[in-house]
Amino acid sequence: MGESMRVLCIGSRGSDLSEEVIRNTGNTPNTIFPVIVGVEYTVRGILLGTNGRLNVMVLGGHGWPTWFPIELFVVVDGELPSGWEFTEIDSGGGSVRALWGYPTLIRDTRHLDDLSDRKKPAREAFLRESGVSGWDEETRRFIE
């Protein structure tokens, strides 16, 4: 076993999800996820939604951290990194119930939004704490 959680992609389309997952996540059978079937990914975070569904953060095909339904993967190494933390969130009508992951993901309530907005401080925290091996400035992608 390694020092990181690894998952194997078994689906990349909304049609690969159960009807219940589609109904609870807002995806459709036509949704195409930027992951490749048969490829192993390192999990950079885990999110429990208020809908009861688990999502994993991996570097998708565009080289940026993205949340995907766990149902698109099978866990091949379930060991959580030693530096990970956990937080329960009072969602106040939001969509996140709990998070597991690197320290800034857990401690900074703006980090998820800032990462989605591709803000430089969030990018630097992800690079420093998530275990990715680098950042390619030219392509603006993280390197697994």
Foldseek 3Di string as FASTA:
>chain_A
DDQFWKWAFADFALLLDDPLCCVLPVHDRGHGHQADHGDMWTFAKWFQWPSRWIWTWTLGNLQATDTDTCSRIDTPDGRHHPQKDKDADPQVPHTTGMMIHHDCVHPPPCLVVCSVVVPPVSVVCCCVTRPFDAADPVSRHTHD
